[in-house]
Amino acid sequence: MQGIDRTGTGSSKWARAGDGRIALGLADMDLPGLPEIGAALAERARHSAYGYTVCDPGGRALVAGWYRERHGVLVDPEWVLLLPFGPRTALRLLLSVVGPRWPVLFPTPEWGGFEQLCRAAGLPYRAVGLARDADGYRLPVGAFAGADLVLLSSPHNPSGRVWTRDEIRGLAEGVAEAGGLLVSDEVHSDLAHPHPTLRHPVAVSVAGELARHTVTLNSVGKTFNTSGIPSCFALVPDPGLRERLTTRMAEYGLWEGGLLEQVVQRAALRHGGPWLDALLDRLAANRELVLGALPGAVLSRPEASYLVWLDAVALGLPAVGAREILLAQRDVELSAGTDCGAEWTGCLRLNYALPESSLRTALTRLTRC
């Protein structure tokens, strides 16, 4: 896959990097998107009326079909909510509905949105440190015992780790015993790298009879690089929770559907399979370039998506101010480890979803002494 020039597109990823630098920070891709999405948007734009739209009557079945074909998972279309906003907004609304009795638990390091949203909702929370062995991070399932609300990025952001079925099942059993909920943010789940045995375990399927104690949040945004048109779908097996969530949405003037969101989602889920297979091969090849160039700095081998979690000191950088030094002296922009928890000062997150030539240049700059 060749790269794309994002000049003049308002890309926040490249805006924060600045002129002359290679942007390796925010989690979107600098690879060409699915052509059918652009074609579908252009076709819809030719119609000059952009008024209120109903929720796509076939949208739930389309999501269920995607899970069946890509994950081998049976999803009841009745579980599916088609939402005209991103997963972050969906989670914020969900937090306002659930109201846990005890502190919300989530791992650390972890995508910083969980902490931010718990604070916004006025909910107590506690971060649980991940275990790490020679292969990378592991979920210390026992440390989550007794929680009635657990938040999880699956696959893991920032490390790209694919959690095992046993790990997710253990979390689901724990929250079910407490009468609570496991919320699995699976926006990177379609980006599991090609592997003869590795498959991302979808929480709602792994939980089995405990499925009503899970909510799965997913989106075409990360997979097809369409996060600028926010949308997501939530799998909510508990009908009572679905009703409470849609009621809360209505209180904010929100409803299922959305004009451009549905155009993008239909095109992606109907036509995106072959394109996605080619993308995954490219991402796996890029991962190997990163692992080869930074062998001592990688804290957990990525198994999905396009993110890698790095030890700044192993790159010859100070624990404090590593990101700023890379910006000023090596013209590469990464995400600071503190974005994933205040205690991760000495870490960096790198996004390797860019053309091979650009990635090689970035790695040369990154390792320059």
Protein backbone atom coordinates (compact mmCIF):
# COMPACT_ATOMS: atom_id res chain seq x y z
CA MET A 1 0.00 0.00 0.00
CA GLN A 2 1.25 3.45 -0.93
CA GLY A 3 0.89 6.40 1.37
CA ILE A 4 -1.48 9.34 1.17
CA ASP A 5 -0.73 13.04 1.47
CA ARG A 6 -2.87 14.49 4.26
CA THR A 7 -1.88 18.09 3.67
CA GLY A 8 -4.89 20.38 3.79
CA THR A 9 -7.21 17.76 5.29
CA GLY A 10 -7.17 19.13 8.85
CA SER A 11 -5.47 16.00 10.17
CA SER A 12 -5.05 16.42 13.93
CA LYS A 13 -2.33 13.76 13.91
CA TRP A 14 -0.11 15.75 11.56
CA ALA A 15 -1.07 19.15 12.98
CA ARG A 16 0.26 18.23 16.40
CA ALA A 17 3.49 16.84 14.92
CA GLY A 18 4.32 20.05 13.07
CA ASP A 19 6.09 20.76 9.79
CA GLY A 20 9.05 18.59 8.88
CA ARG A 21 8.26 15.87 11.41
CA ILE A 22 6.87 12.39 10.90
CA ALA A 23 3.67 11.86 12.89
CA LEU A 24 3.65 8.57 14.80
CA GLY A 25 1.34 9.60 17.60
CA LEU A 26 -2.44 9.59 17.25
CA ALA A 27 -4.16 6.33 16.37
CA ASP A 28 -5.14 6.71 12.75
CA MET A 29 -3.51 5.46 9.56
CA ASP A 30 -1.61 7.10 6.73
CA LEU A 31 -2.56 4.36 4.30
CA PRO A 32 -5.24 4.58 1.57
CA GLY A 33 -8.74 3.76 2.72
CA LEU A 34 -11.38 1.48 1.25
CA PRO A 35 -12.33 2.89 -2.20
CA GLU A 36 -15.95 1.81 -1.82
CA ILE A 37 -16.38 4.19 1.12
CA GLY A 38 -15.35 7.22 -0.93
CA ALA A 39 -17.55 6.07 -3.80
CA ALA A 40 -20.56 5.63 -1.49
CA LEU A 41 -20.08 9.08 0.05
CA ALA A 42 -19.74 10.67 -3.40
CA GLU A 43 -22.89 8.94 -4.63
CA ARG A 44 -24.89 10.06 -1.60
CA ALA A 45 -23.53 13.62 -1.91
CA ARG A 46 -24.95 13.86 -5.44
CA HIS A 47 -28.42 13.81 -3.91
CA SER A 48 -29.05 17.36 -2.75
CA ALA A 49 -31.28 16.60 0.26
CA TYR A 50 -29.48 15.81 3.51
CA GLY A 51 -32.37 15.81 5.93
CA TYR A 52 -33.32 13.57 8.83
CA THR A 53 -32.78 9.90 8.14
CA VAL A 54 -34.19 6.74 9.68
CA CYS A 55 -31.96 4.07 11.13
CA ASP A 56 -30.90 1.63 8.41
CA PRO A 57 -33.34 -1.30 8.74
CA GLY A 58 -30.68 -3.71 7.54
CA GLY A 59 -27.87 -2.27 9.63
CA ARG A 60 -28.19 -4.64 12.58
CA ALA A 61 -28.12 -7.71 10.35
CA LEU A 62 -25.10 -6.26 8.54
CA VAL A 63 -23.19 -5.97 11.83
CA ALA A 64 -24.23 -9.49 12.84
CA GLY A 65 -23.07 -10.80 9.45
CA TRP A 66 -19.68 -9.12 9.86
CA TYR A 67 -19.17 -10.79 13.22
CA ARG A 68 -20.18 -14.14 11.77
CA GLU A 69 -17.87 -13.89 8.77
CA ARG A 70 -14.84 -12.19 10.35
CA HIS A 71 -14.93 -13.59 13.89
CA GLY A 72 -17.00 -16.77 13.67
CA VAL A 73 -19.32 -15.30 16.30
CA LEU A 74 -23.12 -15.42 16.35
CA VAL A 75 -24.53 -12.03 17.33
CA ASP A 76 -28.25 -11.54 17.77
CA PRO A 77 -29.19 -8.49 15.65
CA GLU A 78 -31.47 -7.40 18.49
CA TRP A 79 -28.37 -6.74 20.60
CA VAL A 80 -27.04 -4.17 18.13
CA LEU A 81 -27.36 -0.42 18.66
CA LEU A 82 -26.28 1.68 15.66
CA LEU A 83 -24.97 4.93 17.12
CA PRO A 84 -24.23 8.24 15.35
CA PHE A 85 -21.28 9.07 17.62
CA GLY A 86 -17.97 7.52 18.55
CA PRO A 87 -17.22 4.85 21.16
CA ARG A 88 -16.00 7.48 23.66
CA THR A 89 -19.42 9.15 23.67
CA ALA A 90 -21.15 5.77 23.87
CA LEU A 91 -19.08 4.87 26.93
CA ARG A 92 -19.80 8.20 28.59
CA LEU A 93 -23.54 7.67 28.17
CA LEU A 94 -23.23 4.11 29.40
CA LEU A 95 -21.40 5.25 32.55
CA SER A 96 -24.22 7.66 33.29
CA VAL A 97 -26.71 4.80 33.07
CA VAL A 98 -24.89 2.02 34.93
CA GLY A 99 -23.93 3.79 38.17
CA PRO A 100 -21.64 1.16 39.77
CA ARG A 101 -21.68 0.56 43.52
CA TRP A 102 -17.88 0.29 43.78
CA PRO A 103 -14.96 1.93 41.98
CA VAL A 104 -14.70 1.28 38.26
CA LEU A 105 -11.68 -0.91 37.49
CA PHE A 106 -9.53 -0.85 34.36
CA PRO A 107 -5.95 -1.92 33.59
CA THR A 108 -2.86 0.23 33.44
CA PRO A 109 -1.21 1.05 31.12
CA GLU A 110 -4.46 1.73 29.28
CA TRP A 111 -6.05 4.11 26.82
CA GLY A 112 -6.44 7.34 28.75
CA GLY A 113 -10.08 7.80 27.83
CA PHE A 114 -11.27 5.44 30.56
CA GLU A 115 -9.82 7.62 33.30
CA GLN A 116 -11.03 10.81 31.66
CA LEU A 117 -14.58 9.53 31.27
CA CYS A 118 -14.79 8.21 34.82
CA ARG A 119 -13.74 11.64 36.06
CA ALA A 120 -16.29 13.34 33.82
CA ALA A 121 -19.00 11.04 35.15
CA GLY A 122 -17.96 11.68 38.74
CA LEU A 123 -17.30 7.98 39.33
CA PRO A 124 -14.56 6.60 41.58
CA TYR A 125 -12.09 4.41 39.74
CA ARG A 126 -8.95 2.38 40.25
CA ALA A 127 -6.32 1.31 37.74
CA VAL A 128 -5.04 -2.27 38.06
CA GLY A 129 -1.44 -2.86 37.00
CA LEU A 130 -1.00 -5.40 34.21
CA ALA A 131 1.28 -8.39 34.66
CA ARG A 132 4.11 -8.80 32.15
CA ASP A 133 6.11 -11.87 31.16
CA ALA A 134 8.54 -12.69 28.37
CA ASP A 135 5.74 -12.54 25.79
CA GLY A 136 4.27 -9.27 26.99
CA TYR A 137 1.32 -8.13 29.05
CA ARG A 138 -1.16 -10.43 30.79
CA LEU A 139 -4.43 -9.64 32.55
CA PRO A 140 -4.19 -10.36 36.30
CA VAL A 141 -7.80 -11.55 36.42
CA GLY A 142 -7.81 -12.08 40.18
CA ALA A 143 -6.99 -8.42 40.78
CA PHE A 144 -10.37 -7.47 39.30
CA ALA A 145 -12.33 -9.71 41.68
CA GLY A 146 -15.37 -8.08 43.24
CA ALA A 147 -15.65 -5.25 40.71
CA ASP A 148 -19.12 -4.56 39.39
CA LEU A 149 -17.85 -2.50 36.43
CA VAL A 150 -14.68 -3.33 34.49
CA LEU A 151 -13.51 -1.38 31.43
CA LEU A 152 -11.17 -3.08 28.98
CA SER A 153 -9.60 -2.24 25.63
CA SER A 154 -9.47 -5.48 23.69
CA PRO A 155 -7.07 -5.80 21.90
CA HIS A 156 -5.03 -3.74 24.31
CA ASN A 157 -4.28 -0.11 23.67
CA PRO A 158 -1.36 0.83 23.90
CA SER A 159 0.46 -2.50 23.44
CA GLY A 160 -1.55 -4.31 20.75
CA ARG A 161 -1.85 -7.40 22.95
CA VAL A 162 -4.69 -9.82 22.14
CA TRP A 163 -6.17 -11.01 25.42
CA THR A 164 -6.87 -14.73 25.72
CA ARG A 165 -10.30 -16.32 25.97
CA ASP A 166 -9.50 -17.40 29.52
CA GLU A 167 -8.56 -13.87 30.55
CA ILE A 168 -11.76 -12.33 29.19
CA ARG A 169 -13.90 -15.18 30.45
CA GLY A 170 -12.41 -14.71 33.91
CA LEU A 171 -13.30 -11.02 33.90
CA ALA A 172 -16.84 -11.75 32.73
CA GLU A 173 -17.33 -14.35 35.44
CA GLY A 174 -16.09 -11.94 38.09
CA VAL A 175 -18.42 -9.10 37.14
CA ALA A 176 -21.36 -11.49 36.73
CA GLU A 177 -20.80 -12.78 40.25
CA ALA A 178 -20.96 -9.16 41.46
CA GLY A 179 -24.07 -8.52 39.38
CA GLY A 180 -22.11 -6.03 37.29
CA LEU A 181 -20.84 -5.36 33.80
CA LEU A 182 -17.75 -5.89 31.65
CA VAL A 183 -17.44 -3.19 28.98
CA SER A 184 -15.09 -4.31 26.22
CA ASP A 185 -13.88 -1.56 23.88
CA GLU A 186 -13.08 -3.60 20.76
CA VAL A 187 -12.44 -0.87 18.21
CA HIS A 188 -9.13 -2.54 17.28
CA SER A 189 -10.60 -6.06 17.18
CA ASP A 190 -10.80 -6.34 13.39
CA LEU A 191 -7.09 -5.51 13.18
CA ALA A 192 -5.74 -8.74 14.70
CA HIS A 193 -2.66 -9.69 12.67
CA PRO A 194 -2.66 -12.79 10.46
CA HIS A 195 -1.81 -15.84 12.59
CA PRO A 196 -2.61 -19.56 12.18
CA THR A 197 -4.15 -19.86 15.66
CA LEU A 198 -4.52 -16.35 17.09
CA ARG A 199 -8.04 -14.95 16.91
CA HIS A 200 -9.35 -12.02 18.86
CA PRO A 201 -11.88 -13.34 21.39
CA VAL A 202 -15.06 -11.26 21.19
CA ALA A 203 -16.20 -10.65 24.76
CA VAL A 204 -19.89 -11.18 24.11
CA SER A 205 -19.15 -14.62 22.67
CA VAL A 206 -16.56 -15.68 25.24
CA ALA A 207 -18.97 -14.81 28.03
CA GLY A 208 -21.57 -17.27 26.71
CA GLU A 209 -24.42 -17.50 29.19
CA LEU A 210 -22.93 -14.49 30.97
CA ALA A 211 -23.31 -12.32 27.85
CA ARG A 212 -25.92 -10.08 29.45
CA HIS A 213 -23.17 -8.94 31.82
CA THR A 214 -21.17 -7.57 28.87
CA VAL A 215 -21.34 -4.58 26.55
CA THR A 216 -19.14 -4.56 23.45
CA LEU A 217 -18.26 -1.27 21.77
CA ASN A 218 -16.95 -1.38 18.22
CA SER A 219 -16.68 0.85 15.17
CA VAL A 220 -15.49 0.89 11.58
CA GLY A 221 -13.48 3.99 12.49
CA LYS A 222 -10.14 2.40 13.41
CA THR A 223 -10.39 -0.50 10.96
CA PHE A 224 -11.21 1.62 7.92
CA ASN A 225 -9.67 4.92 9.07
CA THR A 226 -12.97 6.80 9.15
CA SER A 227 -12.89 8.19 12.70
CA GLY A 228 -13.48 11.70 11.35
CA ILE A 229 -17.07 10.61 10.67
CA PRO A 230 -17.85 9.34 14.18
CA SER A 231 -20.05 6.27 14.56
CA CYS A 232 -20.06 3.04 16.46
CA PHE A 233 -22.14 -0.02 17.19
CA ALA A 234 -22.77 -1.41 20.64
CA LEU A 235 -23.64 -5.03 21.38
CA VAL A 236 -25.92 -4.93 24.44
CA PRO A 237 -27.44 -8.37 25.14
CA ASP A 238 -29.40 -7.19 28.21
CA PRO A 239 -32.70 -5.75 26.87
CA GLY A 240 -33.24 -3.68 30.01
CA LEU A 241 -29.84 -2.03 29.65
CA ARG A 242 -30.50 -1.39 25.94
CA GLU A 243 -33.72 0.39 26.82
CA ARG A 244 -32.06 2.49 29.53
CA LEU A 245 -29.27 3.48 27.19
CA THR A 246 -31.59 4.50 24.35
CA THR A 247 -33.70 6.45 26.85
CA ARG A 248 -30.61 8.33 28.04
CA MET A 249 -29.67 9.04 24.43
CA ALA A 250 -33.12 10.52 23.81
CA GLU A 251 -32.68 12.81 26.79
CA TYR A 252 -29.72 14.36 24.92
CA GLY A 253 -31.56 14.50 21.59
CA LEU A 254 -29.67 11.51 20.18
CA TRP A 255 -31.09 8.59 18.25
CA GLU A 256 -29.85 5.62 16.25
CA GLY A 257 -28.82 6.10 12.65
CA GLY A 258 -27.15 9.11 11.11
CA LEU A 259 -26.74 10.12 7.48
CA LEU A 260 -23.04 9.92 6.61
CA GLU A 261 -22.33 7.47 9.43
CA GLN A 262 -24.60 4.87 7.90
CA VAL A 263 -23.23 5.40 4.39
CA VAL A 264 -19.70 4.74 5.68
CA GLN A 265 -20.66 1.76 7.82
CA ARG A 266 -22.66 0.04 5.07
CA ALA A 267 -19.85 0.39 2.55
CA ALA A 268 -17.23 -0.84 5.02
CA LEU A 269 -19.13 -3.89 6.24
CA ARG A 270 -20.43 -4.89 2.81
CA HIS A 271 -17.23 -4.49 0.82
CA GLY A 272 -14.32 -4.21 3.24
CA GLY A 273 -13.22 -7.82 3.77
CA PRO A 274 -10.63 -8.24 0.97
CA TRP A 275 -9.23 -4.75 1.52
CA LEU A 276 -8.89 -5.48 5.24
CA ASP A 277 -7.00 -8.71 4.57
CA ALA A 278 -4.43 -6.78 2.51
CA LEU A 279 -4.18 -4.11 5.21
CA LEU A 280 -3.47 -6.71 7.90
CA ASP A 281 -0.60 -8.14 5.84
CA ARG A 282 0.85 -4.62 5.55
CA LEU A 283 0.50 -3.94 9.26
CA ALA A 284 2.14 -7.24 10.18
CA ALA A 285 5.08 -6.44 7.87
CA ASN A 286 5.41 -2.98 9.41
CA ARG A 287 5.34 -4.53 12.88
CA GLU A 288 8.32 -6.68 11.99
CA LEU A 289 10.24 -3.63 10.82
CA VAL A 290 9.61 -1.97 14.18
CA LEU A 291 10.53 -5.05 16.19
CA GLY A 292 13.72 -5.46 14.18
CA ALA A 293 14.76 -1.83 14.64
CA LEU A 294 13.79 -1.47 18.32
CA PRO A 295 14.24 -4.95 19.82
CA GLY A 296 15.23 -3.86 23.32
CA ALA A 297 12.62 -1.12 23.65
CA VAL A 298 9.39 -3.02 22.90
CA LEU A 299 7.56 -3.80 26.14
CA SER A 300 4.95 -6.16 24.68
CA ARG A 301 4.94 -7.72 21.21
CA PRO A 302 1.96 -6.36 19.22
CA GLU A 303 -0.54 -8.95 18.02
CA ALA A 304 -3.14 -6.54 16.64
CA SER A 305 -3.68 -3.02 15.36
CA TYR A 306 -0.75 -0.68 14.60
CA LEU A 307 0.48 0.44 18.02
CA VAL A 308 3.63 -0.50 19.90
CA TRP A 309 4.47 0.40 23.50
CA LEU A 310 8.09 1.43 24.07
CA ASP A 311 10.56 1.94 26.90
CA ALA A 312 12.05 5.40 26.32
CA VAL A 313 15.18 4.68 28.35
CA ALA A 314 15.94 1.66 26.17
CA LEU A 315 15.95 4.08 23.24
CA GLY A 316 18.68 6.10 24.93
CA LEU A 317 16.27 8.80 26.07
CA PRO A 318 15.60 10.18 29.55
CA ALA A 319 12.46 8.93 31.25
CA VAL A 320 11.20 12.50 31.61
CA GLY A 321 10.76 14.59 28.46
CA ALA A 322 11.42 11.83 25.93
CA ARG A 323 8.61 12.91 23.60
CA GLU A 324 9.83 16.52 23.58
CA ILE A 325 13.41 15.46 22.78
CA LEU A 326 12.21 13.35 19.85
CA LEU A 327 10.23 16.31 18.53
CA ALA A 328 13.05 18.80 18.89
CA GLN A 329 16.07 16.68 17.97
CA ARG A 330 14.88 13.77 15.80
CA ASP A 331 11.80 15.17 14.03
CA VAL A 332 9.46 12.35 14.99
CA GLU A 333 6.30 12.69 17.07
CA LEU A 334 5.09 9.90 19.36
CA SER A 335 2.47 9.78 22.10
CA ALA A 336 3.72 10.30 25.63
CA GLY A 337 3.38 7.36 27.99
CA THR A 338 1.53 9.57 30.46
CA ASP A 339 -1.41 9.57 28.05
CA CYS A 340 -1.97 6.01 29.30
CA GLY A 341 -1.54 6.74 33.01
CA ALA A 342 0.46 9.25 35.03
CA GLU A 343 2.92 6.59 36.19
CA TRP A 344 4.10 5.79 32.63
CA THR A 345 6.46 8.75 32.28
CA GLY A 346 9.25 6.64 30.81
CA CYS A 347 7.19 5.12 27.99
CA LEU A 348 6.12 6.11 24.49
CA ARG A 349 3.45 4.85 22.07
CA LEU A 350 4.30 4.55 18.38
CA ASN A 351 1.83 4.19 15.51
CA TYR A 352 3.36 2.26 12.60
CA ALA A 353 0.42 2.46 10.15
CA LEU A 354 2.26 4.35 7.43
CA PRO A 355 4.04 3.51 4.18
CA GLU A 356 7.16 1.36 4.48
CA SER A 357 9.48 4.09 3.19
CA SER A 358 8.15 6.62 5.70
CA LEU A 359 8.34 4.09 8.52
CA ARG A 360 11.97 3.25 7.70
CA THR A 361 12.84 6.95 7.72
CA ALA A 362 11.07 7.41 11.05
CA LEU A 363 12.86 4.44 12.62
CA THR A 364 16.21 5.77 11.42
CA ARG A 365 15.47 9.12 13.03
CA LEU A 366 14.17 7.47 16.19
CA THR A 367 17.33 5.44 16.74
CA ARG A 368 19.74 8.24 15.83
CA CYS A 369 22.09 9.00 18.72
